[in-house]
PDB file of N, CA and C in Angstrom:
ATOM      1  N   MET A   1     122.954  98.706  98.438  1.00  0.00           N
ATOM      2  CA  MET A   1     122.235  99.672  98.457  1.00  0.00           C
ATOM      3  C   MET A   1     121.836 100.001  97.374  1.00  0.00           C
ATOM      4  N   ASN A   2     120.313  99.698  97.735  1.00  0.00           N
ATOM      5  CA  ASN A   2     119.378  99.580  96.532  1.00  0.00           C
ATOM      6  C   ASN A   2     118.687 100.928  95.920  1.00  0.00           C
ATOM      7  N   SER A   3     119.447 100.858  94.573  1.00  0.00           N
ATOM      8  CA  SER A   3     118.959 102.627  94.014  1.00  0.00           C
ATOM      9  C   SER A   3     117.686 102.410  93.302  1.00  0.00           C
ATOM     10  N   ILE A   4     116.922 101.528  93.174  1.00  0.00           N
ATOM     11  CA  ILE A   4     115.578 101.450  92.269  1.00  0.00           C
ATOM     12  C   ILE A   4     114.781 101.869  93.461  1.00  0.00           C
ATOM     13  N   PRO A   5     114.168 102.999  92.936  1.00  0.00           N
ATOM     14  CA  PRO A   5     113.073 103.502  94.079  1.00  0.00           C
ATOM     15  C   PRO A   5     111.787 102.548  94.306  1.00  0.00           C
ATOM     16  N   ASP A   6     111.217 102.350  95.257  1.00  0.00           N
ATOM     17  CA  ASP A   6     110.144 101.611  95.695  1.00  0.00           C
ATOM     18  C   ASP A   6     108.582 102.034  95.010  1.00  0.00           C
ATOM     19  N   TYR A   7     108.597 101.586  93.810  1.00  0.00           N
ATOM     20  CA  TYR A   7     107.274 102.448  93.072  1.00  0.00           C
ATOM     21  C   TYR A   7     106.022 101.396  93.891  1.00  0.00           C
ATOM     22  N   ALA A   8     106.151 100.186  94.561  1.00  0.00           N
ATOM     23  CA  ALA A   8     105.052  99.987  95.192  1.00  0.00           C
ATOM     24  C   ALA A   8     104.400 100.546  95.972  1.00  0.00           C
ATOM     25  N   GLU A   9     105.093 101.609  96.981  1.00  0.00           N
ATOM     26  CA  GLU A   9     105.003 102.546  98.132  1.00  0.00           C
ATOM     27  C   GLU A   9     104.593 103.354  97.521  1.00  0.00           C
ATOM     28  N   ALA A  10     105.166 104.028  96.365  1.00  0.00           N
ATOM     29  CA  ALA A  10     104.545 105.514  95.724  1.00  0.00           C
ATOM     30  C   ALA A  10     102.990 105.105  95.038  1.00  0.00           C
ATOM     31  N   LEU A  11     102.624 103.813  94.530  1.00  0.00           N
ATOM     32  CA  LEU A  11     101.256 103.626  94.066  1.00  0.00           C
ATOM     33  C   LEU A  11     100.258 103.196  95.238  1.00  0.00           C
ATOM     34  N   ILE A  12     100.787 102.812  96.609  1.00  0.00           N
ATOM     35  CA  ILE A  12     100.026 102.583  97.329  1.00  0.00           C
ATOM     36  C   ILE A  12      99.589 104.205  98.529  1.00  0.00           C
ATOM     37  N   ASN A  13     100.764 105.041  98.241  1.00  0.00           N
ATOM     38  CA  ASN A  13     100.472 106.565  98.718  1.00  0.00           C
ATOM     39  C   ASN A  13      99.722 107.086  97.743  1.00  0.00           C
ATOM     40  N   LYS A  14      99.293 106.967  96.270  1.00  0.00           N
ATOM     41  CA  LYS A  14      98.690 107.698  95.342  1.00  0.00           C
ATOM     42  C   LYS A  14      97.096 107.362  95.998  1.00  0.00           C
ATOM     43  N   ALA A  15      97.162 106.057  96.399  1.00  0.00           N
ATOM     44  CA  ALA A  15      95.853 105.728  96.275  1.00  0.00           C
ATOM     45  C   ALA A  15      95.200 106.059  97.830  1.00  0.00           C
ATOM     46  N   GLN A  16      95.942 106.380  98.595  1.00  0.00           N
ATOM     47  CA  GLN A  16      95.576 106.937 100.157  1.00  0.00           C
ATOM     48  C   GLN A  16      95.269 107.866  99.802  1.00  0.00           C
ATOM     49  N   LEU A  17      96.147 108.650  99.084  1.00  0.00           N
ATOM     50  CA  LEU A  17      95.189 110.130  98.850  1.00  0.00           C
ATOM     51  C   LEU A  17      94.030 110.236  98.287  1.00  0.00           C
ATOM     52  N   ILE A  18      94.027 109.161  97.402  1.00  0.00           N
ATOM     53  CA  ILE A  18      92.688 109.371  96.519  1.00  0.00           C
ATOM     54  C   ILE A  18      91.349 108.574  97.306  1.00  0.00           C
ATOM     55  N   LEU A  19      91.993 107.624  98.309  1.00  0.00           N
ATOM     56  CA  LEU A  19      90.882 107.393  99.571  1.00  0.00           C
ATOM     57  C   LEU A  19      90.742 107.895 100.615  1.00  0.00           C
ATOM     58  N   ASP A  20      91.857 109.256 100.914  1.00  0.00           N
ATOM     59  CA  ASP A  20      91.391 110.317 101.865  1.00  0.00           C
ATOM     60  C   ASP A  20      90.405 111.012 101.468  1.00  0.00           C
ATOM     61  N   GLY A  21      89.333 111.059 100.652  1.00  0.00           N
ATOM     62  CA  GLY A  21      88.260 111.681 100.549  1.00  0.00           C
ATOM     63  C   GLY A  21      87.010 111.180 100.805  1.00  0.00           C
ATOM     64  N   GLU A  22      87.457 109.383 100.675  1.00  0.00           N
ATOM     65  CA  GLU A  22      86.387 109.114 101.774  1.00  0.00           C
ATOM     66  C   GLU A  22      85.667 109.449 102.812  1.00  0.00           C
ATOM     67  N   ARG A  23      86.642 109.704 103.749  1.00  0.00           N
ATOM     68  CA  ARG A  23      85.757 110.216 105.086  1.00  0.00           C
ATOM     69  C   ARG A  23      84.413 111.145 105.002  1.00  0.00           C
ATOM     70  N   THR A  24      84.915 112.281 104.528  1.00  0.00           N
ATOM     71  CA  THR A  24      83.963 113.500 104.323  1.00  0.00           C
ATOM     72  C   THR A  24      82.916 112.914 103.935  1.00  0.00           C
ATOM     73  N   ILE A  25      82.921 112.068 102.487  1.00  0.00           N
ATOM     74  CA  ILE A  25      82.058 111.376 101.915  1.00  0.00           C
ATOM     75  C   ILE A  25      80.670 110.810 102.769  1.00  0.00           C
ATOM     76  N   ILE A  26      81.358 109.714 103.352  1.00  0.00           N
ATOM     77  CA  ILE A  26      81.091 109.416 104.565  1.00  0.00           C
ATOM     78  C   ILE A  26      80.161 109.770 105.953  1.00  0.00           C
ATOM     79  N   ASP A  27      80.885 110.687 106.367  1.00  0.00           N
ATOM     80  CA  ASP A  27      80.348 111.306 106.969  1.00  0.00           C
ATOM     81  C   ASP A  27      79.109 112.227 107.005  1.00  0.00           C
ATOM     82  N   GLU A  28      79.123 112.321 105.406  1.00  0.00           N
ATOM     83  CA  GLU A  28      77.796 113.524 105.133  1.00  0.00           C
ATOM     84  C   GLU A  28      76.706 112.322 105.175  1.00  0.00           C
ATOM     85  N   MET A  29      76.887 111.242 104.148  1.00  0.00           N
ATOM     86  CA  MET A  29      76.345 110.438 104.242  1.00  0.00           C
ATOM     87  C   MET A  29      75.487 109.736 105.479  1.00  0.00           C
ATOM     88  N   ASN A  30      76.368 109.865 106.520  1.00  0.00           N
ATOM     89  CA  ASN A  30      75.579 109.163 107.576  1.00  0.00           C
ATOM     90  C   ASN A  30      74.775 110.314 108.482  1.00  0.00           C
ATOM     91  N   SER A  31      75.008 111.641 108.174  1.00  0.00           N
ATOM     92  CA  SER A  31      74.121 112.971 108.342  1.00  0.00           C
ATOM     93  C   SER A  31      72.626 113.032 107.659  1.00  0.00           C
ATOM     94  N   LEU A  32      72.886 112.287 106.480  1.00  0.00           N
ATOM     95  CA  LEU A  32      71.553 112.583 106.098  1.00  0.00           C
ATOM     96  C   LEU A  32      70.324 112.157 107.092  1.00  0.00           C
ATOM     97  N   GLY A  33      68.999 112.734 106.556  1.00  0.00           N
ATOM     98  CA  GLY A  33      67.838 112.263 106.973  1.00  0.00           C
ATOM     99  C   GLY A  33      67.314 111.418 105.996  1.00  0.00           C
ATOM    100  N   THR A  34      65.915 111.429 106.072  1.00  0.00           N
ATOM    101  CA  THR A  34      64.798 110.335 105.288  1.00  0.00           C
ATOM    102  C   THR A  34      64.006 111.238 104.791  1.00  0.00           C
ATOM    103  N   SER A  35      64.296 111.947 104.362  1.00  0.00           N
ATOM    104  CA  SER A  35      63.704 112.864 103.116  1.00  0.00           C
ATOM    105  C   SER A  35      63.982 112.819 101.592  1.00  0.00           C
ATOM    106  N   ASN A  36      62.954 112.979 100.697  1.00  0.00           N
ATOM    107  CA  ASN A  36      63.897 112.478  99.279  1.00  0.00           C
ATOM    108  C   ASN A  36      64.628 113.155  98.903  1.00  0.00           C
ATOM    109  N   ALA A  37      64.590 114.126  99.080  1.00  0.00           N
ATOM    110  CA  ALA A  37      66.033 115.248  98.937  1.00  0.00           C
ATOM    111  C   ALA A  37      67.127 114.607  99.714  1.00  0.00           C
ATOM    112  N   ASP A  38      67.041 114.382 100.754  1.00  0.00           N
ATOM    113  CA  ASP A  38      68.370 113.241 101.237  1.00  0.00           C
ATOM    114  C   ASP A  38      68.367 111.740 100.633  1.00  0.00           C
ATOM    115  N   TYR A  39      67.713 110.942 100.075  1.00  0.00           N
ATOM    116  CA  TYR A  39      67.923 110.005  99.429  1.00  0.00           C
ATOM    117  C   TYR A  39      68.490 110.462  98.250  1.00  0.00           C
ATOM    118  N   ASP A  40      67.683 111.664  97.634  1.00  0.00           N
ATOM    119  CA  ASP A  40      68.960 112.122  96.268  1.00  0.00           C
ATOM    120  C   ASP A  40      69.995 112.057  96.537  1.00  0.00           C
ATOM    121  N   ARG A  41      70.631 113.251  97.326  1.00  0.00           N
ATOM    122  CA  ARG A  41      71.702 113.214  97.952  1.00  0.00           C
ATOM    123  C   ARG A  41      72.850 111.998  98.127  1.00  0.00           C
ATOM    124  N   TYR A  42      72.091 111.151  99.095  1.00  0.00           N
ATOM    125  CA  TYR A  42      73.128 109.813  99.247  1.00  0.00           C
ATOM    126  C   TYR A  42      73.472 109.286  98.116  1.00  0.00           C
ATOM    127  N   ASP A  43      72.270 108.905  97.451  1.00  0.00           N
ATOM    128  CA  ASP A  43      72.323 108.014  95.963  1.00  0.00           C
ATOM    129  C   ASP A  43      74.019 109.016  95.241  1.00  0.00           C
ATOM    130  N   VAL A  44      73.740 110.333  95.134  1.00  0.00           N
ATOM    131  CA  VAL A  44      74.507 111.094  94.388  1.00  0.00           C
ATOM    132  C   VAL A  44      76.055 111.010  95.561  1.00  0.00           C
ATOM    133  N   LEU A  45      75.970 110.912  96.493  1.00  0.00           N
ATOM    134  CA  LEU A  45      77.489 110.658  97.073  1.00  0.00           C
ATOM    135  C   LEU A  45      77.647 109.209  97.145  1.00  0.00           C
ATOM    136  N   LYS A  46      77.242 108.210  97.153  1.00  0.00           N
ATOM    137  CA  LYS A  46      77.303 106.910  96.728  1.00  0.00           C
ATOM    138  C   LYS A  46      78.088 106.801  95.658  1.00  0.00           C
ATOM    139  N   GLU A  47      77.488 107.491  94.712  1.00  0.00           N
ATOM    140  CA  GLU A  47      78.609 107.356  93.233  1.00  0.00           C
ATOM    141  C   GLU A  47      79.353 108.357  93.453  1.00  0.00           C
ATOM    142  N   GLU A  48      79.658 108.721  94.090  1.00  0.00           N
ATOM    143  CA  GLU A  48      80.912 109.807  94.776  1.00  0.00           C
ATOM    144  C   GLU A  48      82.253 109.223  95.002  1.00  0.00           C
ATOM    145  N   LYS A  49      81.648 107.839  96.301  1.00  0.00           N
ATOM    146  CA  LYS A  49      82.562 107.058  96.747  1.00  0.00           C
ATOM    147  C   LYS A  49      83.019 105.924  96.383  1.00  0.00           C
ATOM    148  N   ASN A  50      82.075 105.576  95.133  1.00  0.00           N
ATOM    149  CA  ASN A  50      82.371 104.327  94.314  1.00  0.00           C
ATOM    150  C   ASN A  50      83.491 104.998  93.217  1.00  0.00           C
ATOM    151  N   LYS A  51      83.595 106.119  92.808  1.00  0.00           N
ATOM    152  CA  LYS A  51      84.307 106.480  92.173  1.00  0.00           C
ATOM    153  C   LYS A  51      85.734 107.063  92.341  1.00  0.00           C
ATOM    154  N   LEU A  52      85.445 107.287  93.661  1.00  0.00           N
ATOM    155  CA  LEU A  52      86.733 107.340  94.451  1.00  0.00           C
ATOM    156  C   LEU A  52      87.646 106.165  94.292  1.00  0.00           C
ATOM    157  N   TYR A  53      86.808 104.616  94.709  1.00  0.00           N
ATOM    158  CA  TYR A  53      87.324 103.416  94.895  1.00  0.00           C
ATOM    159  C   TYR A  53      87.683 102.815  93.721  1.00  0.00           C
ATOM    160  N   SER A  54      87.046 103.168  93.039  1.00  0.00           N
ATOM    161  CA  SER A  54      87.460 103.181  90.832  1.00  0.00           C
ATOM    162  C   SER A  54      88.802 103.580  90.911  1.00  0.00           C
ATOM    163  N   ASP A  55      89.054 104.829  90.967  1.00  0.00           N
ATOM    164  CA  ASP A  55      89.935 106.212  91.254  1.00  0.00           C
ATOM    165  C   ASP A  55      91.440 105.298  91.472  1.00  0.00           C
ATOM    166  N   ALA A  56      91.334 104.357  92.795  1.00  0.00           N
ATOM    167  CA  ALA A  56      91.883 103.797  94.053  1.00  0.00           C
ATOM    168  C   ALA A  56      92.460 102.834  92.752  1.00  0.00           C
ATOM    169  N   LEU A  57      91.953 102.086  92.480  1.00  0.00           N
ATOM    170  CA  LEU A  57      91.717 100.880  92.300  1.00  0.00           C
ATOM    171  C   LEU A  57      93.062 100.507  91.503  1.00  0.00           C
ATOM    172  N   PRO A  58      93.155 100.922  90.213  1.00  0.00           N
ATOM    173  CA  PRO A  58      94.498 100.834  89.257  1.00  0.00           C
ATOM    174  C   PRO A  58      95.861 100.760  90.150  1.00  0.00           C
ATOM    175  N   TYR A  59      95.634 102.465  90.913  1.00  0.00           N
ATOM    176  CA  TYR A  59      97.177 101.974  91.801  1.00  0.00           C
ATOM    177  C   TYR A  59      97.420 101.128  92.849  1.00  0.00           C
ATOM    178  N   LEU A  60      96.000 100.601  93.248  1.00  0.00           N
ATOM    179  CA  LEU A  60      96.209  98.962  94.369  1.00  0.00           C
ATOM    180  C   LEU A  60      96.557  97.922  93.393  1.00  0.00           C
ATOM    181  N   GLU A  61      96.193  97.419  92.300  1.00  0.00           N
ATOM    182  CA  GLU A  61      96.107  96.497  91.716  1.00  0.00           C
ATOM    183  C   GLU A  61      97.702  96.797  91.140  1.00  0.00           C
ATOM    184  N   SER A  62      98.145  97.606  90.748  1.00  0.00           N
ATOM    185  CA  SER A  62      99.759  98.020  90.326  1.00  0.00           C
ATOM    186  C   SER A  62     100.883  97.517  91.236  1.00  0.00           C
ATOM    187  N   ALA A  63     100.094  98.071  92.618  1.00  0.00           N
ATOM    188  CA  ALA A  63     101.031  97.853  94.014  1.00  0.00           C
ATOM    189  C   ALA A  63     101.027  96.199  93.885  1.00  0.00           C
ATOM    190  N   SER A  64      99.960  95.823  94.053  1.00  0.00           N
ATOM    191  CA  SER A  64      99.847  94.193  94.443  1.00  0.00           C
ATOM    192  C   SER A  64     100.666  93.394  93.297  1.00  0.00           C
ATOM    193  N   ARG A  65     100.910  94.018  92.027  1.00  0.00           N
ATOM    194  CA  ARG A  65     101.543  93.300  91.061  1.00  0.00           C
ATOM    195  C   ARG A  65     102.756  93.168  91.666  1.00  0.00           C
ATOM    196  N   LEU A  66     103.382  93.991  92.159  1.00  0.00           N
ATOM    197  CA  LEU A  66     104.669  94.452  92.822  1.00  0.00           C
ATOM    198  C   LEU A  66     104.808  94.100  93.599  1.00  0.00           C
ATOM    199  N   ARG A  67     103.855  93.791  94.591  1.00  0.00           N
ATOM    200  CA  ARG A  67     104.146  92.910  95.929  1.00  0.00           C
ATOM    201  C   ARG A  67     103.156  91.825  96.155  1.00  0.00           C
ATOM    202  N   PRO A  68     102.992  90.950  95.822  1.00  0.00           N
ATOM    203  CA  PRO A  68     102.346  89.731  95.369  1.00  0.00           C
ATOM    204  C   PRO A  68     102.359  89.322  96.813  1.00  0.00           C
ATOM    205  N   ASP A  69     102.996  89.701  97.828  1.00  0.00           N
ATOM    206  CA  ASP A  69     102.935  88.733  98.915  1.00  0.00           C
ATOM    207  C   ASP A  69     102.504  89.701  99.927  1.00  0.00           C
ATOM    208  N   SER A  70     101.961  90.782  99.634  1.00  0.00           N
ATOM    209  CA  SER A  70     101.801  91.532 100.999  1.00  0.00           C
ATOM    210  C   SER A  70      99.911  91.829 100.650  1.00  0.00           C
ATOM    211  N   MET A  71      99.869  90.960 102.139  1.00  0.00           N
ATOM    212  CA  MET A  71      98.147  91.119 102.308  1.00  0.00           C
ATOM    213  C   MET A  71      97.695  92.144 102.628  1.00  0.00           C
ATOM    214  N   ASP A  72      98.003  92.977 103.068  1.00  0.00           N
ATOM    215  CA  ASP A  72      97.607  94.122 103.577  1.00  0.00           C
ATOM    216  C   ASP A  72      96.914  94.385 102.024  1.00  0.00           C
ATOM    217  N   ILE A  73      97.247  94.522 100.984  1.00  0.00           N
ATOM    218  CA  ILE A  73      97.181  95.002  99.512  1.00  0.00           C
ATOM    219  C   ILE A  73      96.180  94.303  99.098  1.00  0.00           C
ATOM    220  N   VAL A  74      96.218  92.871  99.517  1.00  0.00           N
ATOM    221  CA  VAL A  74      95.224  91.947  98.776  1.00  0.00           C
ATOM    222  C   VAL A  74      94.149  92.463  99.888  1.00  0.00           C
ATOM    223  N   ARG A  75      94.373  92.328 100.995  1.00  0.00           N
ATOM    224  CA  ARG A  75      92.927  92.844 101.920  1.00  0.00           C
ATOM    225  C   ARG A  75      92.087  94.310 101.447  1.00  0.00           C
ATOM    226  N   THR A  76      92.757  94.997 101.182  1.00  0.00           N
ATOM    227  CA  THR A  76      92.323  96.247 100.654  1.00  0.00           C
ATOM    228  C   THR A  76      91.232  96.226  99.261  1.00  0.00           C
ATOM    229  N   LEU A  77      92.308  95.191  98.524  1.00  0.00           N
ATOM    230  CA  LEU A  77      92.077  95.072  96.728  1.00  0.00           C
ATOM    231  C   LEU A  77      89.970  94.594  97.266  1.00  0.00           C
ATOM    232  N   LYS A  78      90.566  93.384  98.274  1.00  0.00           N
ATOM    233  CA  LYS A  78      89.248  92.402  98.539  1.00  0.00           C
ATOM    234  C   LYS A  78      87.895  93.677  99.040  1.00  0.00           C
ATOM    235  N   GLY A  79      88.321  94.563 100.144  1.00  0.00           N
ATOM    236  CA  GLY A  79      87.249  95.549 100.377  1.00  0.00           C
ATOM    237  C   GLY A  79      86.702  96.318  99.435  1.00  0.00           C
ATOM    238  N   ILE A  80      87.530  96.633  98.453  1.00  0.00           N
ATOM    239  CA  ILE A  80      86.922  97.395  97.103  1.00  0.00           C
ATOM    240  C   ILE A  80      86.453  96.818  96.645  1.00  0.00           C
ATOM    241  N   TYR A  81      86.901  96.311  96.252  1.00  0.00           N
ATOM    242  CA  TYR A  81      86.288  95.221  94.891  1.00  0.00           C
ATOM    243  C   TYR A  81      84.948  94.459  95.426  1.00  0.00           C
ATOM    244  N   GLY A  82      84.786  94.097  96.913  1.00  0.00           N
ATOM    245  CA  GLY A  82      83.117  94.097  96.770  1.00  0.00           C
ATOM    246  C   GLY A  82      82.519  95.603  97.808  1.00  0.00           C
ATOM    247  N   LEU A  83      83.177  96.237  97.540  1.00  0.00           N
ATOM    248  CA  LEU A  83      82.390  97.704  97.476  1.00  0.00           C
ATOM    249  C   LEU A  83      81.392  97.550  96.093  1.00  0.00           C
ATOM    250  N   LEU A  84      82.773  97.629  95.013  1.00  0.00           N
ATOM    251  CA  LEU A  84      82.117  97.895  94.136  1.00  0.00           C
ATOM    252  C   LEU A  84      81.477  96.768  93.285  1.00  0.00           C
ATOM    253  N   SER A  85      81.236  95.806  93.595  1.00  0.00           N
ATOM    254  CA  SER A  85      80.644  94.507  93.206  1.00  0.00           C
ATOM    255  C   SER A  85      80.596  93.623  92.133  1.00  0.00           C
ATOM    256  N   MET A  86      82.176  94.078  92.346  1.00  0.00           N
ATOM    257  CA  MET A  86      82.988  93.007  91.626  1.00  0.00           C
ATOM    258  C   MET A  86      83.428  91.969  92.158  1.00  0.00           C
ATOM    259  N   ASP A  87      82.668  90.797  92.283  1.00  0.00           N
ATOM    260  CA  ASP A  87      82.293  89.698  92.765  1.00  0.00           C
ATOM    261  C   ASP A  87      83.229  88.378  92.676  1.00  0.00           C
ATOM    262  N   ALA A  88      84.011  88.452  91.098  1.00  0.00           N
ATOM    263  CA  ALA A  88      84.704  87.459  91.214  1.00  0.00           C
ATOM    264  C   ALA A  88      86.250  87.575  91.461  1.00  0.00           C
ATOM    265  N   LYS A  89      86.743  89.311  91.142  1.00  0.00           N
ATOM    266  CA  LYS A  89      87.770  89.708  91.879  1.00  0.00           C
ATOM    267  C   LYS A  89      87.826  89.579  93.433  1.00  0.00           C
ATOM    268  N   GLU A  90      86.697  89.875  93.971  1.00  0.00           N
ATOM    269  CA  GLU A  90      86.299  89.938  95.506  1.00  0.00           C
ATOM    270  C   GLU A  90      86.984  88.556  96.100  1.00  0.00           C
ATOM    271  N   LYS A  91      86.076  87.543  95.245  1.00  0.00           N
ATOM    272  CA  LYS A  91      86.191  86.444  95.670  1.00  0.00           C
ATOM    273  C   LYS A  91      87.574  85.473  95.601  1.00  0.00           C
ATOM    274  N   GLU A  92      88.571  86.164  94.032  1.00  0.00           N
ATOM    275  CA  GLU A  92      89.793  85.963  93.990  1.00  0.00           C
ATOM    276  C   GLU A  92      90.804  86.216  95.138  1.00  0.00           C
ATOM    277  N   MET A  93      90.568  87.474  95.634  1.00  0.00           N
ATOM    278  CA  MET A  93      91.377  88.216  96.543  1.00  0.00           C
ATOM    279  C   MET A  93      90.666  87.450  98.004  1.00  0.00           C
ATOM    280  N   GLY A  94      90.286  86.685  98.169  1.00  0.00           N
ATOM    281  CA  GLY A  94      89.100  86.130  99.503  1.00  0.00           C
ATOM    282  C   GLY A  94      90.404  85.074  98.960  1.00  0.00           C
ATOM    283  N   LEU A  95      90.186  84.490  97.923  1.00  0.00           N
ATOM    284  CA  LEU A  95      91.197  82.803  98.230  1.00  0.00           C
ATOM    285  C   LEU A  95      92.646  83.035  97.808  1.00  0.00           C
ATOM    286  N   ILE A  96      93.348  83.955  97.603  1.00  0.00           N
ATOM    287  CA  ILE A  96      94.736  84.235  97.734  1.00  0.00           C
ATOM    288  C   ILE A  96      94.698  84.724  99.978  1.00  0.00           C
ATOM    289  N   LEU A  97      94.092  85.093 100.870  1.00  0.00           N
ATOM    290  CA  LEU A  97      93.811  85.409 101.736  1.00  0.00           C
ATOM    291  C   LEU A  97      94.016  84.143 102.525  1.00  0.00           C
ATOM    292  N   ASP A  98      93.063  83.625 102.006  1.00  0.00           N
ATOM    293  CA  ASP A  98      92.348  82.052 102.639  1.00  0.00           C
ATOM    294  C   ASP A  98      93.836  81.277 102.603  1.00  0.00           C
ATOM    295  N   GLN A  99      94.581  81.268 101.193  1.00  0.00           N
ATOM    296  CA  GLN A  99      96.068  80.085 101.233  1.00  0.00           C
ATOM    297  C   GLN A  99      97.055  80.792 101.878  1.00  0.00           C
ATOM    298  N   ASN A 100      96.973  82.015 102.218  1.00  0.00           N
ATOM    299  CA  ASN A 100      97.845  82.816 103.343  1.00  0.00           C
ATOM    300  C   ASN A 100      97.720  83.063 104.632  1.00  0.00           C
TER     301      ASN A 100
END
C-alpha cells in the first residue's frame, strides 16, 4: 500500500473548487441585455471569470506535472489557456493531445 497521498488529486480538487464559481458568473452573463449598463456589467463579469481561470491554473499545471499522462488535465489546461488568450501554451497542449 502506498502511503504517499495523491497530491495530484488534491490539486485537481482545489482547481475544481475555484472553477465551481464559473457557473454563476456565466448564468449572469447570459441573462444580461443590450444596454450600456449591461455591457459594462458583462465586462466586469468577464474579468471575474478570467480571474477564476487564472486562480485555478497553477493547481492544474502542478497536477499536470505530477500526472503528465493525464489527457483530461491537458484538455482542461488547453481550454483555459485558450480562454485566457495564452496562445503558445494552448498550442503546446494541442500538440500533446495530438500525439496521444
